[in-house]
């Protein structure tokens, strides 16, 4: 059964220090990396046990289509039904198209756009590769979240382009948060992040499952990463915000440590 339009279906990491990156994540999550070879520019599939997690690419020396070196960061891909039409829709809704209708062998096609709030987001139309494995186990993606400086613009864009089914979880002066789908079917969140500075872009971030948030946070630090927030209890799990060795941010979430509302 095909995914709904707008469902996060893939994550990948662009690394400027490939060896340090693979060592860090292998030791943190036990990941295994599968090099697809020269035909795919040595793109690596990431596996955690038997689960397919996402992809990894060495971007050292590469330049962004919009200018400047490619940063080390995690990227999120949303499922689309018609890549050409959805890319055009994104452009009409105010996005900047960075890469368009790129073929990935027989796996699928993708576009990369920068949404009106400044966050890069990829569109994925599958052929033989629909998505990562939705298993919810430690070392695999468990949630996806847009941190945006313009909440209203983000909600309007993702609703228009990706058919987001917006459900407001909080709409106060202190905290604005919406999910794509209700609590039982939500696939991603949009969070107002007014603390982002003038030179900071809005961005998508990935939550990876862990078995024990505090121990995972300590392991990140021991591997040369850094904890920037938490661990903190939530109804969805105990959550930590961290940076890896290259300064790329991601989340750790121990769902077994979820608290009450």
Protein backbone atom coordinates (compact mmCIF):
# COMPACT_ATOMS: atom_id res chain seq x y z
CA UNK A 1 0.00 0.00 0.00
CA UNK A 2 1.45 3.34 -1.06
CA UNK A 3 2.29 5.97 1.52
CA UNK A 4 0.19 9.11 1.81
CA UNK A 5 1.54 12.21 0.11
CA UNK A 6 3.63 14.13 2.64
CA UNK A 7 4.69 11.11 4.69
CA UNK A 8 8.41 11.15 5.57
CA UNK A 9 9.85 8.14 3.75
CA UNK A 10 13.62 8.62 3.74
CA UNK A 11 16.45 10.30 5.59
CA UNK A 12 19.97 10.84 4.45
CA UNK A 13 23.11 12.40 5.78
CA UNK A 14 25.63 14.46 3.86
CA UNK A 15 29.02 14.14 5.56
CA UNK A 16 32.16 16.23 5.13
CA UNK A 17 34.20 13.72 7.15
CA UNK A 18 33.04 10.32 5.98
CA UNK A 19 35.30 8.17 8.16
CA UNK A 20 34.52 10.09 11.35
CA UNK A 21 30.82 9.99 10.50
CA UNK A 22 30.63 6.25 9.94
CA UNK A 23 32.65 5.55 13.09
CA UNK A 24 30.41 7.80 15.19
CA UNK A 25 27.09 6.34 14.06
CA UNK A 26 28.33 2.76 13.98
CA UNK A 27 29.37 3.04 17.62
CA UNK A 28 26.25 4.97 18.64
CA UNK A 29 23.56 2.93 16.86
CA UNK A 30 25.37 -0.16 15.56
CA UNK A 31 24.72 0.89 11.97
CA UNK A 32 26.12 -0.95 8.97
CA UNK A 33 26.91 0.93 5.74
CA UNK A 34 26.43 -0.55 2.26
CA UNK A 35 28.32 1.23 -0.53
CA UNK A 36 26.27 1.18 -3.75
CA UNK A 37 29.33 1.85 -5.89
CA UNK A 38 30.40 4.28 -8.57
CA UNK A 39 27.08 4.18 -10.45
CA UNK A 40 25.50 5.84 -7.40
CA UNK A 41 28.47 8.12 -6.53
CA UNK A 42 29.38 5.76 -3.67
CA UNK A 43 26.09 6.51 -1.89
CA UNK A 44 25.73 4.27 1.15
CA UNK A 45 22.59 2.63 2.44
CA UNK A 46 22.35 2.63 6.25
CA UNK A 47 21.18 -0.57 7.95
CA UNK A 48 20.38 -1.16 11.61
CA UNK A 49 20.15 -4.90 12.07
CA UNK A 50 17.74 -6.03 9.36
CA UNK A 51 16.08 -2.59 9.08
CA UNK A 52 16.83 -0.10 6.30
CA UNK A 53 17.34 3.29 7.95
CA UNK A 54 18.30 5.71 5.17
CA UNK A 55 21.35 6.86 3.25
CA UNK A 56 24.76 8.46 3.64
CA UNK A 57 26.89 10.39 1.14
CA UNK A 58 30.33 11.96 1.25
CA UNK A 59 29.73 15.62 0.31
CA UNK A 60 33.21 16.95 1.03
CA UNK A 61 34.18 19.48 -1.62
CA UNK A 62 30.66 19.73 -3.01
CA UNK A 63 28.84 23.02 -3.52
CA UNK A 64 25.17 23.73 -2.78
CA UNK A 65 23.02 24.48 -5.86
CA UNK A 66 22.13 27.73 -4.11
CA UNK A 67 25.78 28.56 -3.37
CA UNK A 68 28.37 27.74 -0.69
CA UNK A 69 29.72 24.38 0.50
CA UNK A 70 27.32 21.57 1.29
CA UNK A 71 26.99 21.40 5.10
CA UNK A 72 27.05 18.22 7.14
CA UNK A 73 23.40 17.65 8.01
CA UNK A 74 20.46 15.29 8.05
CA UNK A 75 17.83 15.65 5.32
CA UNK A 76 14.22 14.45 5.15
CA UNK A 77 12.31 13.19 2.10
CA UNK A 78 8.51 13.37 1.79
CA UNK A 79 6.51 10.99 -0.39
CA UNK A 80 4.80 12.46 -3.46
CA UNK A 81 2.53 10.96 -6.09
CA UNK A 82 3.62 13.14 -9.04
CA UNK A 83 7.09 14.63 -8.66
CA UNK A 84 6.85 17.07 -11.55
CA UNK A 85 3.48 18.42 -10.45
CA UNK A 86 4.39 18.62 -6.75
CA UNK A 87 7.71 20.34 -7.49
CA UNK A 88 5.88 22.90 -9.61
CA UNK A 89 3.35 23.31 -6.81
CA UNK A 90 6.14 23.92 -4.31
CA UNK A 91 7.64 26.60 -6.54
CA UNK A 92 4.25 28.27 -6.99
CA UNK A 93 3.80 28.23 -3.20
CA UNK A 94 7.03 30.16 -2.67
CA UNK A 95 9.73 27.48 -2.49
CA UNK A 96 13.10 27.77 -4.19
CA UNK A 97 13.83 24.73 -6.35
CA UNK A 98 17.45 23.63 -5.79
CA UNK A 99 17.39 20.32 -7.71
CA UNK A 100 14.59 18.99 -9.87
CA UNK A 101 13.45 15.57 -11.11
CA UNK A 102 16.68 13.72 -10.38
CA UNK A 103 16.71 10.02 -11.34
CA UNK A 104 18.14 7.58 -8.77
CA UNK A 105 18.52 4.47 -10.91
CA UNK A 106 15.44 2.28 -10.58
CA UNK A 107 14.86 3.40 -6.98
CA UNK A 108 12.89 6.58 -7.70
CA UNK A 109 13.12 10.26 -8.57
CA UNK A 110 13.52 13.27 -6.32
CA UNK A 111 13.58 17.03 -6.11
CA UNK A 112 15.09 19.29 -3.47
CA UNK A 113 13.39 22.55 -2.58
CA UNK A 114 13.87 25.18 0.09
CA UNK A 115 10.51 25.98 1.64
CA UNK A 116 9.35 29.60 2.13
CA UNK A 117 10.67 29.58 5.71
CA UNK A 118 14.18 28.53 4.63
CA UNK A 119 14.11 24.80 5.36
CA UNK A 120 15.43 22.34 2.74
CA UNK A 121 13.05 19.45 2.07
CA UNK A 122 13.24 16.67 -0.52
CA UNK A 123 10.36 15.21 -2.53
CA UNK A 124 10.51 11.49 -3.34
CA UNK A 125 8.49 9.62 -5.96
CA UNK A 126 9.34 5.93 -5.59
CA UNK A 127 9.91 3.26 -8.17
CA UNK A 128 11.48 0.23 -6.49
CA UNK A 129 12.40 1.90 -3.20
CA UNK A 130 9.37 3.20 -1.35
CA UNK A 131 10.81 4.08 2.05
CA UNK A 132 12.98 3.22 4.99
CA UNK A 133 11.69 0.45 7.26
CA UNK A 134 9.09 1.74 9.71
CA UNK A 135 9.95 -0.46 12.70
CA UNK A 136 10.29 2.03 15.58
CA UNK A 137 13.23 0.20 17.11
CA UNK A 138 16.42 1.72 18.57
CA UNK A 139 18.67 3.14 15.88
CA UNK A 140 15.85 3.82 13.41
CA UNK A 141 13.81 6.98 12.70
CA UNK A 142 10.78 7.43 14.96
CA UNK A 143 9.69 11.04 14.29
CA UNK A 144 10.31 14.02 12.00
CA UNK A 145 9.88 17.69 12.79
CA UNK A 146 10.16 21.03 11.04
CA UNK A 147 11.65 23.75 13.22
CA UNK A 148 10.45 26.97 11.62
CA UNK A 149 10.80 30.70 12.17
CA UNK A 150 7.46 31.34 10.42
CA UNK A 151 4.85 28.92 11.72
CA UNK A 152 1.88 30.20 9.74
CA UNK A 153 3.81 30.22 6.45
CA UNK A 154 5.08 26.69 7.08
CA UNK A 155 1.62 25.33 7.88
CA UNK A 156 0.19 26.93 4.74
CA UNK A 157 3.02 25.62 2.53
CA UNK A 158 2.95 21.99 3.69
CA UNK A 159 -0.82 21.90 3.60
CA UNK A 160 -0.86 23.25 0.02
CA UNK A 161 2.05 21.28 -1.44
CA UNK A 162 2.06 18.02 0.54
CA UNK A 163 -1.61 17.77 1.63
CA UNK A 164 -0.69 17.98 5.31
CA UNK A 165 -3.68 17.24 7.54
CA UNK A 166 -2.97 19.93 10.14
CA UNK A 167 -3.91 19.18 13.74
CA UNK A 168 -2.98 21.85 16.28
CA UNK A 169 -1.44 20.27 19.36
CA UNK A 170 -0.67 23.64 20.97
CA UNK A 171 -1.35 27.20 19.87
CA UNK A 172 -0.30 29.44 22.74
CA UNK A 173 2.09 32.36 23.01
CA UNK A 174 4.59 30.00 24.62
CA UNK A 175 4.33 27.02 22.26
CA UNK A 176 2.91 26.51 18.77
CA UNK A 177 2.96 22.97 17.39
CA UNK A 178 1.00 21.14 14.71
CA UNK A 179 1.09 17.54 13.55
CA UNK A 180 0.38 16.05 10.14
CA UNK A 181 -2.52 13.82 11.12
CA UNK A 182 -4.16 13.21 14.48
CA UNK A 183 -2.46 11.51 17.39
CA UNK A 184 -3.12 8.00 16.04
CA UNK A 185 -1.93 8.69 12.50
CA UNK A 186 0.54 11.59 12.80
CA UNK A 187 3.66 11.31 10.64
CA UNK A 188 5.50 14.59 11.32
CA UNK A 189 5.34 17.84 13.25
CA UNK A 190 5.73 21.56 12.64
CA UNK A 191 7.18 23.52 15.57
CA UNK A 192 7.46 27.30 15.90
CA UNK A 193 11.09 28.08 16.76
CA UNK A 194 11.29 31.83 17.49
CA UNK A 195 14.66 31.33 19.19
CA UNK A 196 16.35 30.74 15.83
CA UNK A 197 18.62 33.69 15.08
CA UNK A 198 18.56 36.03 12.11
CA UNK A 199 21.27 34.00 10.38
CA UNK A 200 19.76 30.61 11.30
CA UNK A 201 17.61 28.79 8.77
CA UNK A 202 14.49 26.82 9.54
CA UNK A 203 15.28 23.11 9.27
CA UNK A 204 13.89 19.59 9.47
CA UNK A 205 15.20 17.32 12.19
CA UNK A 206 15.08 13.57 12.70
CA UNK A 207 14.37 11.63 15.90
CA UNK A 208 16.13 8.27 16.27
CA UNK A 209 14.94 5.71 18.76
CA UNK A 210 17.18 4.71 21.66
CA UNK A 211 16.87 2.35 24.61
CA UNK A 212 17.47 4.81 27.45
CA UNK A 213 17.92 8.50 26.70
CA UNK A 214 20.41 9.31 29.45
CA UNK A 215 22.80 6.52 28.54
CA UNK A 216 22.54 7.44 24.85
CA UNK A 217 23.31 11.09 25.64
CA UNK A 218 26.40 10.05 27.59
CA UNK A 219 27.51 7.87 24.69
CA UNK A 220 27.14 10.76 22.23
CA UNK A 221 29.45 12.86 24.40
CA UNK A 222 31.97 10.03 24.77
CA UNK A 223 32.10 9.66 20.97
CA UNK A 224 32.93 13.32 20.40
CA UNK A 225 29.41 14.67 19.96
CA UNK A 226 27.63 17.14 22.21
CA UNK A 227 24.34 17.32 24.10
CA UNK A 228 22.63 20.68 23.52
CA UNK A 229 19.30 20.09 25.29
CA UNK A 230 17.85 17.50 27.63
CA UNK A 231 17.34 14.73 28.43
CA UNK A 232 13.75 15.86 28.96
CA UNK A 233 10.59 13.91 29.70
CA UNK A 234 7.61 14.10 27.36
CA UNK A 235 4.41 12.14 26.69
CA UNK A 236 6.15 10.67 23.63
CA UNK A 237 9.41 9.60 25.24
CA UNK A 238 12.48 10.94 26.99
CA UNK A 239 14.15 13.23 24.45
CA UNK A 240 17.67 14.59 23.94
CA UNK A 241 18.93 17.09 21.36
CA UNK A 242 22.49 16.35 20.27
CA UNK A 243 25.16 17.29 17.75
CA UNK A 244 27.39 14.70 16.10
CA UNK A 245 31.14 15.13 15.53
CA UNK A 246 30.50 17.32 12.48
CA UNK A 247 28.00 19.56 14.24
CA UNK A 248 24.87 18.09 12.64
CA UNK A 249 21.85 18.10 14.93
CA UNK A 250 19.47 15.22 15.56
CA UNK A 251 17.22 13.93 18.32
CA UNK A 252 17.32 10.85 20.51
CA UNK A 253 13.99 9.52 21.76
CA UNK A 254 13.49 6.74 24.27
CA UNK A 255 9.83 5.93 23.70
CA UNK A 256 9.77 3.40 26.53
CA UNK A 257 10.36 6.31 28.94
CA UNK A 258 7.26 8.25 27.87
CA UNK A 259 5.47 10.07 30.69
CA UNK A 260 1.80 10.95 31.16
CA UNK A 261 0.29 14.14 29.73
